[in-house]
């Protein structure tokens, strides 16, 4: 809570969709929304 930048490694394909899916399954709002987080996935840059 209070953070708005997320750094992952292949998170756009795995971590973020997984976490958001689990939130939905439990009736929660998706955690990592495009309007709430700047997502920096380091895998594309490493490539």
ModelCIF file with pLDDT and N, C-alpha, C, O atoms, coordinates in Angstrom:
data_MODEL
#
_entry.id   MODEL 
#
_entity.id                         1 
_entity.type                       polymer 
_entity.pdbx_number_of_molecules   1 
#
_entity_poly.entity_id                      1 
_entity_poly.type                           'polypeptide(L)' 
_entity_poly.nstd_linkage                   no 
_entity_poly.nstd_monomer                   no 
_entity_poly.pdbx_seq_one_letter_code       
;(UNK)(UNK)(UNK)(UNK)(UNK)(UNK)(UNK)(UNK)(UNK)(UNK)(UNK)(UNK)(UNK)(UNK)(UNK)(UNK)
(UNK)(UNK)(UNK)(UNK)(UNK)(UNK)(UNK)(UNK)(UNK)(UNK)(UNK)(UNK)(UNK)(UNK)(UNK)(UNK)
(UNK)(UNK)(UNK)(UNK)(UNK)(UNK)(UNK)(UNK)(UNK)(UNK)(UNK)(UNK)(UNK)(UNK)(UNK)
;
_entity_poly.pdbx_seq_one_letter_code_can   XXXXXXXXXXXXXXXXXXXXXXXXXXXXXXXXXXXXXXXXXXXXXXX 
_entity_poly.pdbx_strand_id                 A 
#
loop_
_entity_poly_seq.entity_id 
_entity_poly_seq.num 
_entity_poly_seq.mon_id 
_entity_poly_seq.hetero 
1 1  UNK n 
1 2  UNK n 
1 3  UNK n 
1 4  UNK n 
1 5  UNK n 
1 6  UNK n 
1 7  UNK n 
1 8  UNK n 
1 9  UNK n 
1 10 UNK n 
1 11 UNK n 
1 12 UNK n 
1 13 UNK n 
1 14 UNK n 
1 15 UNK n 
1 16 UNK n 
1 17 UNK n 
1 18 UNK n 
1 19 UNK n 
1 20 UNK n 
1 21 UNK n 
1 22 UNK n 
1 23 UNK n 
1 24 UNK n 
1 25 UNK n 
1 26 UNK n 
1 27 UNK n 
1 28 UNK n 
1 29 UNK n 
1 30 UNK n 
1 31 UNK n 
1 32 UNK n 
1 33 UNK n 
1 34 UNK n 
1 35 UNK n 
1 36 UNK n 
1 37 UNK n 
1 38 UNK n 
1 39 UNK n 
1 40 UNK n 
1 41 UNK n 
1 42 UNK n 
1 43 UNK n 
1 44 UNK n 
1 45 UNK n 
1 46 UNK n 
1 47 UNK n 
#
_struct_asym.id          A 
_struct_asym.entity_id   1 
#
loop_
_ma_qa_metric.id 
_ma_qa_metric.mode 
_ma_qa_metric.name 
_ma_qa_metric.software_group_id 
_ma_qa_metric.type 
1 global pLDDT . pLDDT 
2 local  pLDDT . pLDDT 
#
_ma_qa_metric_global.metric_id      1 
_ma_qa_metric_global.metric_value   92.96 
_ma_qa_metric_global.model_id       1 
_ma_qa_metric_global.ordinal_id     1 
#
loop_
_ma_qa_metric_local.label_asym_id 
_ma_qa_metric_local.label_comp_id 
_ma_qa_metric_local.label_seq_id 
_ma_qa_metric_local.metric_id 
_ma_qa_metric_local.metric_value 
_ma_qa_metric_local.model_id 
_ma_qa_metric_local.ordinal_id 
A UNK 1  2 93.00 1 1  
A UNK 2  2 91.00 1 2  
A UNK 3  2 92.00 1 3  
A UNK 4  2 92.00 1 4  
A UNK 5  2 94.00 1 5  
A UNK 6  2 96.00 1 6  
A UNK 7  2 97.00 1 7  
A UNK 8  2 97.00 1 8  
A UNK 9  2 97.00 1 9  
A UNK 10 2 95.00 1 10 
A UNK 11 2 94.00 1 11 
A UNK 12 2 94.00 1 12 
A UNK 13 2 92.00 1 13 
A UNK 14 2 91.00 1 14 
A UNK 15 2 93.00 1 15 
A UNK 16 2 93.00 1 16 
A UNK 17 2 93.00 1 17 
A UNK 18 2 93.00 1 18 
A UNK 19 2 94.00 1 19 
A UNK 20 2 93.00 1 20 
A UNK 21 2 92.00 1 21 
A UNK 22 2 94.00 1 22 
A UNK 23 2 94.00 1 23 
A UNK 24 2 93.00 1 24 
A UNK 25 2 92.00 1 25 
A UNK 26 2 94.00 1 26 
A UNK 27 2 94.00 1 27 
A UNK 28 2 94.00 1 28 
A UNK 29 2 91.00 1 29 
A UNK 30 2 89.00 1 30 
A UNK 31 2 91.00 1 31 
A UNK 32 2 90.00 1 32 
A UNK 33 2 84.00 1 33 
A UNK 34 2 81.00 1 34 
A UNK 35 2 84.00 1 35 
A UNK 36 2 86.00 1 36 
A UNK 37 2 90.00 1 37 
A UNK 38 2 93.00 1 38 
A UNK 39 2 94.00 1 39 
A UNK 40 2 96.00 1 40 
A UNK 41 2 97.00 1 41 
A UNK 42 2 97.00 1 42 
A UNK 43 2 97.00 1 43 
A UNK 44 2 97.00 1 44 
A UNK 45 2 97.00 1 45 
A UNK 46 2 97.00 1 46 
A UNK 47 2 97.00 1 47 
#
loop_
_atom_site.group_PDB 
_atom_site.id 
_atom_site.type_symbol 
_atom_site.label_atom_id 
_atom_site.label_alt_id 
_atom_site.label_comp_id 
_atom_site.label_asym_id 
_atom_site.label_entity_id 
_atom_site.label_seq_id 
_atom_site.pdbx_PDB_ins_code 
_atom_site.Cartn_x 
_atom_site.Cartn_y 
_atom_site.Cartn_z 
_atom_site.occupancy 
_atom_site.B_iso_or_equiv 
_atom_site.pdbx_formal_charge 
_atom_site.auth_seq_id 
_atom_site.auth_comp_id 
_atom_site.auth_asym_id 
_atom_site.auth_atom_id 
_atom_site.pdbx_PDB_model_num 
ATOM 1   N N  . UNK A 1 1  ? 0.839   -1.199  0.000   1.00 93.00 ? 1  UNK A N  1 
ATOM 2   C CA . UNK A 1 1  ? 0.000   0.000   0.000   1.00 93.00 ? 1  UNK A CA 1 
ATOM 3   C C  . UNK A 1 1  ? 0.878   1.254   0.000   1.00 93.00 ? 1  UNK A C  1 
ATOM 4   O O  . UNK A 1 1  ? 1.805   1.373   0.801   1.00 93.00 ? 1  UNK A O  1 
ATOM 5   N N  . UNK A 1 2  ? 0.580   2.171   -0.893  1.00 91.00 ? 2  UNK A N  1 
ATOM 6   C CA . UNK A 1 2  ? 1.361   3.411   -0.986  1.00 91.00 ? 2  UNK A CA 1 
ATOM 7   C C  . UNK A 1 2  ? 2.469   3.361   -2.011  1.00 91.00 ? 2  UNK A C  1 
ATOM 8   O O  . UNK A 1 2  ? 3.108   4.378   -2.282  1.00 91.00 ? 2  UNK A O  1 
ATOM 9   N N  . UNK A 1 3  ? 2.711   2.188   -2.590  1.00 92.00 ? 3  UNK A N  1 
ATOM 10  C CA . UNK A 1 3  ? 3.720   2.086   -3.646  1.00 92.00 ? 3  UNK A CA 1 
ATOM 11  C C  . UNK A 1 3  ? 3.031   2.123   -5.006  1.00 92.00 ? 3  UNK A C  1 
ATOM 12  O O  . UNK A 1 3  ? 1.859   1.766   -5.124  1.00 92.00 ? 3  UNK A O  1 
ATOM 13  N N  . UNK A 1 4  ? 3.753   2.551   -6.016  1.00 92.00 ? 4  UNK A N  1 
ATOM 14  C CA . UNK A 1 4  ? 3.144   2.611   -7.360  1.00 92.00 ? 4  UNK A CA 1 
ATOM 15  C C  . UNK A 1 4  ? 4.104   2.210   -8.466  1.00 92.00 ? 4  UNK A C  1 
ATOM 16  O O  . UNK A 1 4  ? 3.820   2.431   -9.643  1.00 92.00 ? 4  UNK A O  1 
ATOM 17  N N  . UNK A 1 5  ? 5.248   1.619   -8.099  1.00 94.00 ? 5  UNK A N  1 
ATOM 18  C CA . UNK A 1 5  ? 6.200   1.115   -9.092  1.00 94.00 ? 5  UNK A CA 1 
ATOM 19  C C  . UNK A 1 5  ? 6.509   -0.338  -8.771  1.00 94.00 ? 5  UNK A C  1 
ATOM 20  O O  . UNK A 1 5  ? 6.867   -0.674  -7.643  1.00 94.00 ? 5  UNK A O  1 
ATOM 21  N N  . UNK A 1 6  ? 6.371   -1.181  -9.759  1.00 96.00 ? 6  UNK A N  1 
ATOM 22  C CA . UNK A 1 6  ? 6.619   -2.611  -9.591  1.00 96.00 ? 6  UNK A CA 1 
ATOM 23  C C  . UNK A 1 6  ? 7.725   -3.039  -10.544 1.00 96.00 ? 6  UNK A C  1 
ATOM 24  O O  . UNK A 1 6  ? 7.657   -2.753  -11.740 1.00 96.00 ? 6  UNK A O  1 
ATOM 25  N N  . UNK A 1 7  ? 8.741   -3.719  -10.029 1.00 97.00 ? 7  UNK A N  1 
ATOM 26  C CA . UNK A 1 7  ? 9.827   -4.248  -10.848 1.00 97.00 ? 7  UNK A CA 1 
ATOM 27  C C  . UNK A 1 7  ? 9.780   -5.770  -10.752 1.00 97.00 ? 7  UNK A C  1 
ATOM 28  O O  . UNK A 1 7  ? 9.764   -6.326  -9.654  1.00 97.00 ? 7  UNK A O  1 
ATOM 29  N N  . UNK A 1 8  ? 9.759   -6.446  -11.911 1.00 97.00 ? 8  UNK A N  1 
ATOM 30  C CA . UNK A 1 8  ? 9.712   -7.905  -11.936 1.00 97.00 ? 8  UNK A CA 1 
ATOM 31  C C  . UNK A 1 8  ? 10.675  -8.442  -12.986 1.00 97.00 ? 8  UNK A C  1 
ATOM 32  O O  . UNK A 1 8  ? 11.309  -7.683  -13.719 1.00 97.00 ? 8  UNK A O  1 
ATOM 33  N N  . UNK A 1 9  ? 10.767  -9.743  -13.040 1.00 97.00 ? 9  UNK A N  1 
ATOM 34  C CA . UNK A 1 9  ? 11.500  -10.419 -14.115 1.00 97.00 ? 9  UNK A CA 1 
ATOM 35  C C  . UNK A 1 9  ? 10.545  -11.425 -14.737 1.00 97.00 ? 9  UNK A C  1 
ATOM 36  O O  . UNK A 1 9  ? 10.276  -12.481 -14.164 1.00 97.00 ? 9  UNK A O  1 
ATOM 37  N N  . UNK A 1 10 ? 10.044  -11.090 -15.898 1.00 95.00 ? 10 UNK A N  1 
ATOM 38  C CA . UNK A 1 10 ? 8.992   -11.854 -16.588 1.00 95.00 ? 10 UNK A CA 1 
ATOM 39  C C  . UNK A 1 10 ? 7.662   -11.737 -15.865 1.00 95.00 ? 10 UNK A C  1 
ATOM 40  O O  . UNK A 1 10 ? 6.801   -12.606 -15.997 1.00 95.00 ? 10 UNK A O  1 
ATOM 41  N N  . UNK A 1 11 ? 7.494   -10.673 -15.105 1.00 94.00 ? 11 UNK A N  1 
ATOM 42  C CA . UNK A 1 11 ? 6.273   -10.487 -14.332 1.00 94.00 ? 11 UNK A CA 1 
ATOM 43  C C  . UNK A 1 11 ? 5.050   -10.184 -15.168 1.00 94.00 ? 11 UNK A C  1 
ATOM 44  O O  . UNK A 1 11 ? 3.929   -10.485 -14.756 1.00 94.00 ? 11 UNK A O  1 
ATOM 45  N N  . UNK A 1 12 ? 5.243   -9.592  -16.338 1.00 94.00 ? 12 UNK A N  1 
ATOM 46  C CA . UNK A 1 12 ? 4.087   -9.287  -17.178 1.00 94.00 ? 12 UNK A CA 1 
ATOM 47  C C  . UNK A 1 12 ? 3.417   -10.555 -17.691 1.00 94.00 ? 12 UNK A C  1 
ATOM 48  O O  . UNK A 1 12 ? 2.211   -10.577 -17.941 1.00 94.00 ? 12 UNK A O  1 
ATOM 49  N N  . UNK A 1 13 ? 4.215   -11.613 -17.846 1.00 92.00 ? 13 UNK A N  1 
ATOM 50  C CA . UNK A 1 13 ? 3.668   -12.875 -18.343 1.00 92.00 ? 13 UNK A CA 1 
ATOM 51  C C  . UNK A 1 13 ? 3.235   -13.805 -17.226 1.00 92.00 ? 13 UNK A C  1 
ATOM 52  O O  . UNK A 1 13 ? 2.358   -14.644 -17.432 1.00 92.00 ? 13 UNK A O  1 
ATOM 53  N N  . UNK A 1 14 ? 3.837   -13.675 -16.033 1.00 91.00 ? 14 UNK A N  1 
ATOM 54  C CA . UNK A 1 14 ? 3.553   -14.655 -14.988 1.00 91.00 ? 14 UNK A CA 1 
ATOM 55  C C  . UNK A 1 14 ? 3.056   -14.021 -13.691 1.00 91.00 ? 14 UNK A C  1 
ATOM 56  O O  . UNK A 1 14 ? 1.894   -14.203 -13.327 1.00 91.00 ? 14 UNK A O  1 
ATOM 57  N N  . UNK A 1 15 ? 3.913   -13.282 -12.988 1.00 93.00 ? 15 UNK A N  1 
ATOM 58  C CA . UNK A 1 15 ? 3.592   -12.838 -11.632 1.00 93.00 ? 15 UNK A CA 1 
ATOM 59  C C  . UNK A 1 15 ? 2.317   -11.997 -11.559 1.00 93.00 ? 15 UNK A C  1 
ATOM 60  O O  . UNK A 1 15 ? 1.414   -12.290 -10.775 1.00 93.00 ? 15 UNK A O  1 
ATOM 61  N N  . UNK A 1 16 ? 2.255   -10.955 -12.379 1.00 93.00 ? 16 UNK A N  1 
ATOM 62  C CA . UNK A 1 16 ? 1.118   -10.041 -12.298 1.00 93.00 ? 16 UNK A CA 1 
ATOM 63  C C  . UNK A 1 16 ? -0.197  -10.713 -12.685 1.00 93.00 ? 16 UNK A C  1 
ATOM 64  O O  . UNK A 1 16 ? -1.171  -10.587 -11.944 1.00 93.00 ? 16 UNK A O  1 
ATOM 65  N N  . UNK A 1 17 ? -0.269  -11.431 -13.828 1.00 93.00 ? 17 UNK A N  1 
ATOM 66  C CA . UNK A 1 17 ? -1.528  -12.118 -14.137 1.00 93.00 ? 17 UNK A CA 1 
ATOM 67  C C  . UNK A 1 17 ? -1.938  -13.117 -13.051 1.00 93.00 ? 17 UNK A C  1 
ATOM 68  O O  . UNK A 1 17 ? -3.122  -13.259 -12.747 1.00 93.00 ? 17 UNK A O  1 
ATOM 69  N N  . UNK A 1 18 ? -0.946  -13.811 -12.467 1.00 93.00 ? 18 UNK A N  1 
ATOM 70  C CA . UNK A 1 18 ? -1.262  -14.801 -11.430 1.00 93.00 ? 18 UNK A CA 1 
ATOM 71  C C  . UNK A 1 18 ? -1.846  -14.119 -10.189 1.00 93.00 ? 18 UNK A C  1 
ATOM 72  O O  . UNK A 1 18 ? -2.885  -14.535 -9.676  1.00 93.00 ? 18 UNK A O  1 
ATOM 73  N N  . UNK A 1 19 ? -1.175  -13.075 -9.713  1.00 94.00 ? 19 UNK A N  1 
ATOM 74  C CA . UNK A 1 19 ? -1.646  -12.385 -8.511  1.00 94.00 ? 19 UNK A CA 1 
ATOM 75  C C  . UNK A 1 19 ? -3.035  -11.785 -8.750  1.00 94.00 ? 19 UNK A C  1 
ATOM 76  O O  . UNK A 1 19 ? -3.916  -11.891 -7.897  1.00 94.00 ? 19 UNK A O  1 
ATOM 77  N N  . UNK A 1 20 ? -3.226  -11.161 -9.904  1.00 93.00 ? 20 UNK A N  1 
ATOM 78  C CA . UNK A 1 20 ? -4.533  -10.555 -10.198 1.00 93.00 ? 20 UNK A CA 1 
ATOM 79  C C  . UNK A 1 20 ? -5.623  -11.619 -10.305 1.00 93.00 ? 20 UNK A C  1 
ATOM 80  O O  . UNK A 1 20 ? -6.751  -11.394 -9.865  1.00 93.00 ? 20 UNK A O  1 
ATOM 81  N N  . UNK A 1 21 ? -5.296  -12.779 -10.887 1.00 92.00 ? 21 UNK A N  1 
ATOM 82  C CA . UNK A 1 21 ? -6.272  -13.868 -10.991 1.00 92.00 ? 21 UNK A CA 1 
ATOM 83  C C  . UNK A 1 21 ? -6.678  -14.366 -9.612  1.00 92.00 ? 21 UNK A C  1 
ATOM 84  O O  . UNK A 1 21 ? -7.859  -14.604 -9.358  1.00 92.00 ? 21 UNK A O  1 
ATOM 85  N N  . UNK A 1 22 ? -5.701  -14.527 -8.717  1.00 94.00 ? 22 UNK A N  1 
ATOM 86  C CA . UNK A 1 22 ? -6.026  -15.004 -7.373  1.00 94.00 ? 22 UNK A CA 1 
ATOM 87  C C  . UNK A 1 22 ? -6.901  -13.995 -6.635  1.00 94.00 ? 22 UNK A C  1 
ATOM 88  O O  . UNK A 1 22 ? -7.786  -14.387 -5.874  1.00 94.00 ? 22 UNK A O  1 
ATOM 89  N N  . UNK A 1 23 ? -6.663  -12.695 -6.851  1.00 94.00 ? 23 UNK A N  1 
ATOM 90  C CA . UNK A 1 23 ? -7.524  -11.683 -6.239  1.00 94.00 ? 23 UNK A CA 1 
ATOM 91  C C  . UNK A 1 23 ? -8.956  -11.822 -6.736  1.00 94.00 ? 23 UNK A C  1 
ATOM 92  O O  . UNK A 1 23 ? -9.898  -11.789 -5.944  1.00 94.00 ? 23 UNK A O  1 
ATOM 93  N N  . UNK A 1 24 ? -9.118  -11.977 -8.032  1.00 93.00 ? 24 UNK A N  1 
ATOM 94  C CA . UNK A 1 24 ? -10.461 -12.090 -8.607  1.00 93.00 ? 24 UNK A CA 1 
ATOM 95  C C  . UNK A 1 24 ? -11.192 -13.310 -8.055  1.00 93.00 ? 24 UNK A C  1 
ATOM 96  O O  . UNK A 1 24 ? -12.384 -13.237 -7.757  1.00 93.00 ? 24 UNK A O  1 
ATOM 97  N N  . UNK A 1 25 ? -10.483 -14.429 -7.919  1.00 92.00 ? 25 UNK A N  1 
ATOM 98  C CA . UNK A 1 25 ? -11.103 -15.656 -7.437  1.00 92.00 ? 25 UNK A CA 1 
ATOM 99  C C  . UNK A 1 25 ? -11.625 -15.520 -6.009  1.00 92.00 ? 25 UNK A C  1 
ATOM 100 O O  . UNK A 1 25 ? -12.547 -16.227 -5.602  1.00 92.00 ? 25 UNK A O  1 
ATOM 101 N N  . UNK A 1 26 ? -11.021 -14.600 -5.252  1.00 94.00 ? 26 UNK A N  1 
ATOM 102 C CA . UNK A 1 26 ? -11.460 -14.387 -3.872  1.00 94.00 ? 26 UNK A CA 1 
ATOM 103 C C  . UNK A 1 26 ? -12.315 -13.129 -3.734  1.00 94.00 ? 26 UNK A C  1 
ATOM 104 O O  . UNK A 1 26 ? -12.509 -12.617 -2.632  1.00 94.00 ? 26 UNK A O  1 
ATOM 105 N N  . UNK A 1 27 ? -12.823 -12.638 -4.868  1.00 94.00 ? 27 UNK A N  1 
ATOM 106 C CA . UNK A 1 27 ? -13.725 -11.494 -4.826  1.00 94.00 ? 27 UNK A CA 1 
ATOM 107 C C  . UNK A 1 27 ? -13.038 -10.177 -4.529  1.00 94.00 ? 27 UNK A C  1 
ATOM 108 O O  . UNK A 1 27 ? -13.684 -9.218  -4.108  1.00 94.00 ? 27 UNK A O  1 
ATOM 109 N N  . UNK A 1 28 ? -11.719 -10.122 -4.749  1.00 94.00 ? 28 UNK A N  1 
ATOM 110 C CA . UNK A 1 28 ? -10.962 -8.893  -4.516  1.00 94.00 ? 28 UNK A CA 1 
ATOM 111 C C  . UNK A 1 28 ? -10.712 -8.181  -5.845  1.00 94.00 ? 28 UNK A C  1 
ATOM 112 O O  . UNK A 1 28 ? -10.718 -8.808  -6.905  1.00 94.00 ? 28 UNK A O  1 
ATOM 113 N N  . UNK A 1 29 ? -10.497 -6.896  -5.780  1.00 91.00 ? 29 UNK A N  1 
ATOM 114 C CA . UNK A 1 29 ? -10.137 -6.143  -6.983  1.00 91.00 ? 29 UNK A CA 1 
ATOM 115 C C  . UNK A 1 29 ? -8.717  -6.515  -7.387  1.00 91.00 ? 29 UNK A C  1 
ATOM 116 O O  . UNK A 1 29 ? -7.865  -6.728  -6.524  1.00 91.00 ? 29 UNK A O  1 
ATOM 117 N N  . UNK A 1 30 ? -8.451  -6.598  -8.698  1.00 89.00 ? 30 UNK A N  1 
ATOM 118 C CA . UNK A 1 30 ? -7.073  -6.894  -9.136  1.00 89.00 ? 30 UNK A CA 1 
ATOM 119 C C  . UNK A 1 30 ? -6.087  -5.922  -8.504  1.00 89.00 ? 30 UNK A C  1 
ATOM 120 O O  . UNK A 1 30 ? -6.336  -4.717  -8.450  1.00 89.00 ? 30 UNK A O  1 
ATOM 121 N N  . UNK A 1 31 ? -4.975  -6.449  -8.029  1.00 91.00 ? 31 UNK A N  1 
ATOM 122 C CA . UNK A 1 31 ? -4.020  -5.625  -7.276  1.00 91.00 ? 31 UNK A CA 1 
ATOM 123 C C  . UNK A 1 31 ? -3.211  -4.710  -8.175  1.00 91.00 ? 31 UNK A C  1 
ATOM 124 O O  . UNK A 1 31 ? -3.076  -3.517  -7.905  1.00 91.00 ? 31 UNK A O  1 
ATOM 125 N N  . UNK A 1 32 ? -2.668  -5.280  -9.256  1.00 90.00 ? 32 UNK A N  1 
ATOM 126 C CA . UNK A 1 32 ? -1.750  -4.528  -10.102 1.00 90.00 ? 32 UNK A CA 1 
ATOM 127 C C  . UNK A 1 32 ? -2.479  -4.067  -11.363 1.00 90.00 ? 32 UNK A C  1 
ATOM 128 O O  . UNK A 1 32 ? -2.483  -4.763  -12.379 1.00 90.00 ? 32 UNK A O  1 
ATOM 129 N N  . UNK A 1 33 ? -3.082  -2.908  -11.288 1.00 84.00 ? 33 UNK A N  1 
ATOM 130 C CA . UNK A 1 33 ? -3.776  -2.351  -12.434 1.00 84.00 ? 33 UNK A CA 1 
ATOM 131 C C  . UNK A 1 33 ? -2.882  -1.417  -13.222 1.00 84.00 ? 33 UNK A C  1 
ATOM 132 O O  . UNK A 1 33 ? -1.943  -0.840  -12.673 1.00 84.00 ? 33 UNK A O  1 
ATOM 133 N N  . UNK A 1 34 ? -3.166  -1.265  -14.507 1.00 81.00 ? 34 UNK A N  1 
ATOM 134 C CA . UNK A 1 34 ? -2.354  -0.388  -15.363 1.00 81.00 ? 34 UNK A CA 1 
ATOM 135 C C  . UNK A 1 34 ? -2.396  1.057   -14.889 1.00 81.00 ? 34 UNK A C  1 
ATOM 136 O O  . UNK A 1 34 ? -1.440  1.809   -15.081 1.00 81.00 ? 34 UNK A O  1 
ATOM 137 N N  . UNK A 1 35 ? -3.509  1.445   -14.267 1.00 84.00 ? 35 UNK A N  1 
ATOM 138 C CA . UNK A 1 35 ? -3.668  2.835   -13.833 1.00 84.00 ? 35 UNK A CA 1 
ATOM 139 C C  . UNK A 1 35 ? -3.094  3.083   -12.452 1.00 84.00 ? 35 UNK A C  1 
ATOM 140 O O  . UNK A 1 35 ? -2.964  4.233   -12.032 1.00 84.00 ? 35 UNK A O  1 
ATOM 141 N N  . UNK A 1 36 ? -2.751  2.021   -11.743 1.00 86.00 ? 36 UNK A N  1 
ATOM 142 C CA . UNK A 1 36 ? -2.274  2.180   -10.369 1.00 86.00 ? 36 UNK A CA 1 
ATOM 143 C C  . UNK A 1 36 ? -0.788  1.879   -10.204 1.00 86.00 ? 36 UNK A C  1 
ATOM 144 O O  . UNK A 1 36 ? -0.165  2.324   -9.240  1.00 86.00 ? 36 UNK A O  1 
ATOM 145 N N  . UNK A 1 37 ? -0.209  1.108   -11.161 1.00 90.00 ? 37 UNK A N  1 
ATOM 146 C CA . UNK A 1 37 ? 1.197   0.727   -11.030 1.00 90.00 ? 37 UNK A CA 1 
ATOM 147 C C  . UNK A 1 37 ? 1.953   0.959   -12.328 1.00 90.00 ? 37 UNK A C  1 
ATOM 148 O O  . UNK A 1 37 ? 1.459   0.650   -13.413 1.00 90.00 ? 37 UNK A O  1 
ATOM 149 N N  . UNK A 1 38 ? 3.154   1.505   -12.205 1.00 93.00 ? 38 UNK A N  1 
ATOM 150 C CA . UNK A 1 38 ? 4.102   1.493   -13.307 1.00 93.00 ? 38 UNK A CA 1 
ATOM 151 C C  . UNK A 1 38 ? 4.896   0.197   -13.202 1.00 93.00 ? 38 UNK A C  1 
ATOM 152 O O  . UNK A 1 38 ? 5.618   -0.019  -12.229 1.00 93.00 ? 38 UNK A O  1 
ATOM 153 N N  . UNK A 1 39 ? 4.760   -0.648  -14.193 1.00 94.00 ? 39 UNK A N  1 
ATOM 154 C CA . UNK A 1 39 ? 5.378   -1.972  -14.131 1.00 94.00 ? 39 UNK A CA 1 
ATOM 155 C C  . UNK A 1 39 ? 6.625   -2.000  -15.017 1.00 94.00 ? 39 UNK A C  1 
ATOM 156 O O  . UNK A 1 39 ? 6.546   -1.785  -16.226 1.00 94.00 ? 39 UNK A O  1 
ATOM 157 N N  . UNK A 1 40 ? 7.759   -2.263  -14.405 1.00 96.00 ? 40 UNK A N  1 
ATOM 158 C CA . UNK A 1 40 ? 9.020   -2.397  -15.126 1.00 96.00 ? 40 UNK A CA 1 
ATOM 159 C C  . UNK A 1 40 ? 9.404   -3.869  -15.121 1.00 96.00 ? 40 UNK A C  1 
ATOM 160 O O  . UNK A 1 40 ? 9.861   -4.399  -14.108 1.00 96.00 ? 40 UNK A O  1 
ATOM 161 N N  . UNK A 1 41 ? 9.215   -4.520  -16.257 1.00 97.00 ? 41 UNK A N  1 
ATOM 162 C CA . UNK A 1 41 ? 9.607   -5.929  -16.399 1.00 97.00 ? 41 UNK A CA 1 
ATOM 163 C C  . UNK A 1 41 ? 11.019  -5.952  -16.972 1.00 97.00 ? 41 UNK A C  1 
ATOM 164 O O  . UNK A 1 41 ? 11.242  -5.505  -18.098 1.00 97.00 ? 41 UNK A O  1 
ATOM 165 N N  . UNK A 1 42 ? 11.964  -6.466  -16.207 1.00 97.00 ? 42 UNK A N  1 
ATOM 166 C CA . UNK A 1 42 ? 13.367  -6.416  -16.591 1.00 97.00 ? 42 UNK A CA 1 
ATOM 167 C C  . UNK A 1 42 ? 13.737  -7.427  -17.671 1.00 97.00 ? 42 UNK A C  1 
ATOM 168 O O  . UNK A 1 42 ? 14.789  -7.292  -18.295 1.00 97.00 ? 42 UNK A O  1 
ATOM 169 N N  . UNK A 1 43 ? 12.898  -8.438  -17.909 1.00 97.00 ? 43 UNK A N  1 
ATOM 170 C CA . UNK A 1 43 ? 13.253  -9.449  -18.905 1.00 97.00 ? 43 UNK A CA 1 
ATOM 171 C C  . UNK A 1 43 ? 13.358  -8.862  -20.310 1.00 97.00 ? 43 UNK A C  1 
ATOM 172 O O  . UNK A 1 43 ? 14.359  -9.121  -20.979 1.00 97.00 ? 43 UNK A O  1 
ATOM 173 N N  . UNK A 1 44 ? 12.389  -8.087  -20.798 1.00 97.00 ? 44 UNK A N  1 
ATOM 174 C CA . UNK A 1 44 ? 12.538  -7.508  -22.141 1.00 97.00 ? 44 UNK A CA 1 
ATOM 175 C C  . UNK A 1 44 ? 13.779  -6.629  -22.273 1.00 97.00 ? 44 UNK A C  1 
ATOM 176 O O  . UNK A 1 44 ? 14.433  -6.637  -23.316 1.00 97.00 ? 44 UNK A O  1 
ATOM 177 N N  . UNK A 1 45 ? 14.109  -5.871  -21.226 1.00 97.00 ? 45 UNK A N  1 
ATOM 178 C CA . UNK A 1 45 ? 15.310  -5.038  -21.294 1.00 97.00 ? 45 UNK A CA 1 
ATOM 179 C C  . UNK A 1 45 ? 16.570  -5.896  -21.311 1.00 97.00 ? 45 UNK A C  1 
ATOM 180 O O  . UNK A 1 45 ? 17.518  -5.592  -22.035 1.00 97.00 ? 45 UNK A O  1 
ATOM 181 N N  . UNK A 1 46 ? 16.583  -6.967  -20.517 1.00 97.00 ? 46 UNK A N  1 
ATOM 182 C CA . UNK A 1 46 ? 17.744  -7.870  -20.523 1.00 97.00 ? 46 UNK A CA 1 
ATOM 183 C C  . UNK A 1 46 ? 17.934  -8.472  -21.910 1.00 97.00 ? 46 UNK A C  1 
ATOM 184 O O  . UNK A 1 46 ? 19.063  -8.622  -22.377 1.00 97.00 ? 46 UNK A O  1 
ATOM 185 N N  . UNK A 1 47 ? 16.834  -8.814  -22.562 1.00 97.00 ? 47 UNK A N  1 
ATOM 186 C CA . UNK A 1 47 ? 16.938  -9.352  -23.921 1.00 97.00 ? 47 UNK A CA 1 
ATOM 187 C C  . UNK A 1 47 ? 17.512  -8.315  -24.873 1.00 97.00 ? 47 UNK A C  1 
ATOM 188 O O  . UNK A 1 47 ? 17.673  -8.590  -26.062 1.00 97.00 ? 47 UNK A O  1 
#
